[in-house]
Each structure stands twice: as structure tokens, then as C-alpha cells.
Amino acid sequence: MTKQQLLNMINEWNHETHIFLDHVKEVLTTLENQQQQQIISYFTYSLNLSSESKEDHFIIGTYHIHNLSHTFMTNPYICIKLSEDAPFHFSGKYVYKPRKLATIPQGAWEKLNDHTNRMEYWLKPLNVQLIKPNEILSFSDFRIKWKSTDSYSGSVTGFTYCEEYKEGIAAINQLFISGS
């Protein structure tokens, strides 16, 4: 082996080592970012199933977003989705395009999608643009009701979005309801 061949091999190994180290640094940076930006969202709820045929069944629930990261969550919003063909009626503290602050209930959210859509509720909190580290933001006291005289089956799912998570994060639990 000539001196030039040996130098070429050393240069090639150095180049491969630099590529490998750059890749390791990139993976470490990604892992650090994932550890810093951790968010979970979940439902808490109470269920009331009526034994009277003329009374409605209902759920009173809250959707929570918990920022477990060391960084701020910016411009949070959520999607609460009812399954297709579910006989559920959703209501809560939300408004369409708020006009006057005096008429908006405290803790209200704004519905972002079409008000005629009864299966998806895209909501953003009014007057909250940041969720601080270790802080919880909640969409409180929503109600889902349905007739007790009919058979019923359906689910409720939730997703959280923000500037840091544009793809969205699914809630860690869902509501599945069925009966007759």
C-alpha cells in the first residue's frame, strides 16, 4: 500500500466519522426536543343514564390539556369529534366569532369551524394564547346528551393542536358509549 492510498483511506474514515457524528448530534437534539415538548390531553367526565324513558341520558365532561414540557405552548386549539351516526347532541361554553366581551361567558372558547357541523367542534380558548410549562388548560363543563328511548352507540375523541404540534396530538382516552 502506498503512502497516498493510506492517506486517502484516513481521509475517507475521517469523512465517514464526521457524517456519523453529525447524525448522532441530530438524533440527540431530536430526543432533547421531544423530552422538552411533552403534552398530554384527556377527558374527565360524569355519566348519567336515566332509568326513566322520558328523560335524556347525558355526560358532563371536561377536556384537559396538560403542558408537561419546559417550554410554552403557543396558540392552542382542540378538536372534539363525535362519531358518525351517533345520536349525541353536544353543547358547551363556546361562541361563534365573539363580538362583545361583556356577553362572553367566563372560560368560553370560540368555535372555529362551521356552526352547522354537529360532528366536529374545533375550538380555541378566548384570551389564552400560551400554556405555560406544567400548566393545565381545560375546556370545562361540556354536555353530551341523547334520548333514552332509542338504542345508542358512538364515541367522542379529542385532539390538541398548537404551533409546536401542528399535526395534532390525540387525547390519551376516548369516550365510548352504547346501550339500548
Protein backbone atom coordinates (compact mmCIF):
# COMPACT_ATOMS: atom_id res chain seq x y z
CA MET A 1 0.00 0.00 0.00
CA THR A 2 1.37 3.39 -0.94
CA LYS A 3 1.52 6.41 1.28
CA GLN A 4 -1.09 8.16 -0.87
CA GLN A 5 -3.51 5.22 -0.61
CA LEU A 6 -3.11 5.22 3.16
CA LEU A 7 -3.77 8.97 3.34
CA ASN A 8 -6.87 8.53 1.15
CA MET A 9 -8.20 5.82 3.47
CA ILE A 10 -7.62 8.02 6.53
CA ASN A 11 -9.39 10.94 4.85
CA GLU A 12 -12.33 8.70 3.91
CA TRP A 13 -12.60 7.40 7.51
CA ASN A 14 -12.45 10.94 8.84
CA HIS A 15 -15.23 11.95 6.46
CA GLU A 16 -17.38 8.95 7.47
CA THR A 17 -16.72 9.69 11.16
CA HIS A 18 -17.86 13.31 10.72
CA ILE A 19 -21.03 12.16 8.95
CA PHE A 20 -21.73 9.65 11.72
CA LEU A 21 -21.10 12.23 14.49
CA ASP A 22 -23.40 14.74 12.76
CA HIS A 23 -26.10 12.10 12.64
CA VAL A 24 -25.63 11.29 16.35
CA LYS A 25 -25.86 15.01 17.22
CA GLU A 26 -29.06 15.31 15.17
CA VAL A 27 -30.64 12.31 16.94
CA LEU A 28 -29.66 13.70 20.36
CA THR A 29 -31.13 17.11 19.52
CA THR A 30 -34.37 15.46 18.38
CA LEU A 31 -34.57 13.44 21.61
CA GLU A 32 -33.92 16.54 23.73
CA ASN A 33 -36.67 18.43 21.89
CA GLN A 34 -39.11 15.55 22.36
CA GLN A 35 -38.35 15.47 26.08
CA GLN A 36 -38.80 19.24 26.37
CA GLN A 37 -42.09 19.37 24.47
CA GLN A 38 -44.44 16.91 26.12
CA ILE A 39 -48.17 17.48 26.09
CA ILE A 40 -50.98 15.20 27.09
CA SER A 41 -54.69 15.78 26.71
CA TYR A 42 -57.52 13.79 28.21
CA PHE A 43 -61.21 13.71 29.07
CA THR A 44 -62.74 13.61 32.53
CA TYR A 45 -66.48 13.13 32.73
CA SER A 46 -69.56 12.05 34.66
CA LEU A 47 -72.18 9.86 33.04
CA ASN A 48 -75.90 9.94 33.88
CA LEU A 49 -78.03 7.13 32.47
CA SER A 50 -81.68 7.72 33.21
CA SER A 51 -83.99 4.88 34.18
CA GLU A 52 -86.97 6.99 33.10
CA SER A 53 -87.86 6.63 29.43
CA LYS A 54 -88.81 10.31 29.08
CA GLU A 55 -85.53 11.66 30.45
CA ASP A 56 -82.35 12.07 28.42
CA HIS A 57 -79.04 10.38 29.14
CA PHE A 58 -76.13 12.78 29.39
CA ILE A 59 -72.44 13.25 30.04
CA ILE A 60 -70.88 16.29 31.64
CA GLY A 61 -67.22 16.43 30.75
CA THR A 62 -64.03 18.43 30.60
CA TYR A 63 -61.20 18.23 28.08
CA HIS A 64 -57.80 18.98 29.64
CA ILE A 65 -54.52 19.96 28.00
CA HIS A 66 -51.52 19.47 30.30
CA ASN A 67 -48.23 21.02 29.21
CA LEU A 68 -45.59 18.77 30.79
CA SER A 69 -42.76 20.36 28.84
CA HIS A 70 -40.25 23.01 29.78
CA THR A 71 -41.45 25.32 27.02
CA PHE A 72 -44.58 27.33 26.29
CA MET A 73 -47.39 26.01 24.08
CA THR A 74 -48.49 28.76 21.73
CA ASN A 75 -51.93 29.27 20.18
CA PRO A 76 -53.56 26.08 21.47
CA TYR A 77 -56.80 24.76 19.99
CA ILE A 78 -58.68 21.48 20.12
CA CYS A 79 -60.98 19.27 18.08
CA ILE A 80 -63.69 17.24 19.79
CA LYS A 81 -65.17 14.79 17.34
CA LEU A 82 -68.37 12.78 17.66
CA SER A 83 -68.58 9.56 15.67
CA GLU A 84 -70.73 9.46 12.55
CA ASP A 85 -74.35 8.39 13.10
CA ALA A 86 -74.05 8.93 16.87
CA PRO A 87 -77.33 10.26 18.31
CA PHE A 88 -75.46 12.74 20.51
CA HIS A 89 -76.07 16.45 20.92
CA PHE A 90 -73.01 18.44 22.04
CA SER A 91 -73.11 21.75 23.91
CA GLY A 92 -70.65 23.77 25.93
CA LYS A 93 -69.22 27.17 26.71
CA TYR A 94 -68.28 28.26 23.22
CA VAL A 95 -69.22 31.17 20.99
CA TYR A 96 -69.14 31.94 17.29
CA LYS A 97 -66.98 34.95 16.37
CA PRO A 98 -67.14 36.85 19.68
CA ARG A 99 -68.39 40.42 19.45
CA LYS A 100 -68.59 42.00 22.89
CA LEU A 101 -66.52 40.89 25.84
CA ALA A 102 -69.40 41.63 28.24
CA THR A 103 -71.57 38.95 26.62
CA ILE A 104 -68.98 36.17 26.55
CA PRO A 105 -69.16 33.69 29.45
CA GLN A 106 -66.00 33.33 31.52
CA GLY A 107 -63.90 30.40 30.34
CA ALA A 108 -65.58 30.41 26.92
CA TRP A 109 -63.96 29.11 23.79
CA GLU A 110 -64.53 30.10 20.17
CA LYS A 111 -65.85 27.56 17.67
CA LEU A 112 -63.66 27.84 14.59
CA ASN A 113 -65.48 25.61 12.12
CA ASP A 114 -68.93 25.91 10.56
CA HIS A 115 -71.66 26.22 13.19
CA THR A 116 -73.84 23.73 11.30
CA ASN A 117 -71.27 20.94 11.71
CA ARG A 118 -72.62 18.81 14.58
CA MET A 119 -69.91 16.13 14.47
CA GLU A 120 -66.70 18.18 14.85
CA TYR A 121 -66.04 21.02 17.25
CA TRP A 122 -62.84 22.94 16.50
CA LEU A 123 -62.37 25.22 19.49
CA LYS A 124 -59.78 27.70 20.68
CA PRO A 125 -59.72 29.39 24.08
CA LEU A 126 -60.60 33.07 24.19
CA ASN A 127 -57.91 35.27 25.73
CA VAL A 128 -55.38 32.40 26.09
CA GLN A 129 -52.51 32.29 23.63
CA LEU A 130 -49.94 30.48 25.78
CA ILE A 131 -49.94 27.50 28.08
CA LYS A 132 -47.03 27.78 30.47
CA PRO A 133 -44.85 24.80 31.40
CA ASN A 134 -46.67 22.46 33.82
CA GLU A 135 -49.92 24.38 33.35
CA ILE A 136 -53.31 22.83 32.51
CA LEU A 137 -55.86 24.45 30.20
CA SER A 138 -59.37 22.99 30.23
CA PHE A 139 -62.49 23.18 28.11
CA SER A 140 -64.88 22.70 31.03
CA ASP A 141 -68.42 21.50 31.53
CA PHE A 142 -69.38 20.45 28.03
CA ARG A 143 -72.53 18.36 27.77
CA ILE A 144 -73.37 15.46 25.52
CA LYS A 145 -76.96 14.24 25.64
CA TRP A 146 -79.09 11.69 23.83
CA LYS A 147 -82.58 10.19 24.05
CA SER A 148 -83.06 7.32 26.48
CA THR A 149 -85.81 5.79 24.34
CA ASP A 150 -83.51 4.93 21.44
CA SER A 151 -80.64 2.48 21.12
CA TYR A 152 -77.39 4.38 21.02
CA SER A 153 -73.77 3.84 20.14
CA GLY A 154 -70.96 6.26 19.50
CA SER A 155 -67.63 7.66 20.51
CA VAL A 156 -66.10 11.00 21.38
CA THR A 157 -62.46 11.67 20.53
CA GLY A 158 -60.22 14.64 21.19
CA PHE A 159 -57.16 16.17 19.59
CA THR A 160 -54.89 19.01 20.70
CA TYR A 161 -53.05 21.37 18.36
CA CYS A 162 -50.67 24.30 18.78
CA GLU A 163 -47.80 25.98 16.95
CA GLU A 164 -45.40 23.36 18.28
CA TYR A 165 -47.66 20.43 17.32
CA LYS A 166 -49.32 21.37 14.04
CA GLU A 167 -50.05 17.69 13.27
CA GLY A 168 -52.03 17.36 16.50
CA ILE A 169 -51.87 15.03 19.47
CA ALA A 170 -54.69 12.60 20.23
CA ALA A 171 -56.18 12.54 23.71
CA ILE A 172 -54.96 9.63 25.82
CA ASN A 173 -58.55 8.48 26.36
CA GLN A 174 -61.83 8.47 24.43
CA LEU A 175 -65.45 8.09 25.38
CA PHE A 176 -67.28 5.03 24.03
CA ILE A 177 -70.98 4.87 24.79
CA SER A 178 -73.51 2.23 23.71
CA GLY A 179 -76.72 0.74 25.00
CA SER A 180 -80.39 0.17 24.33
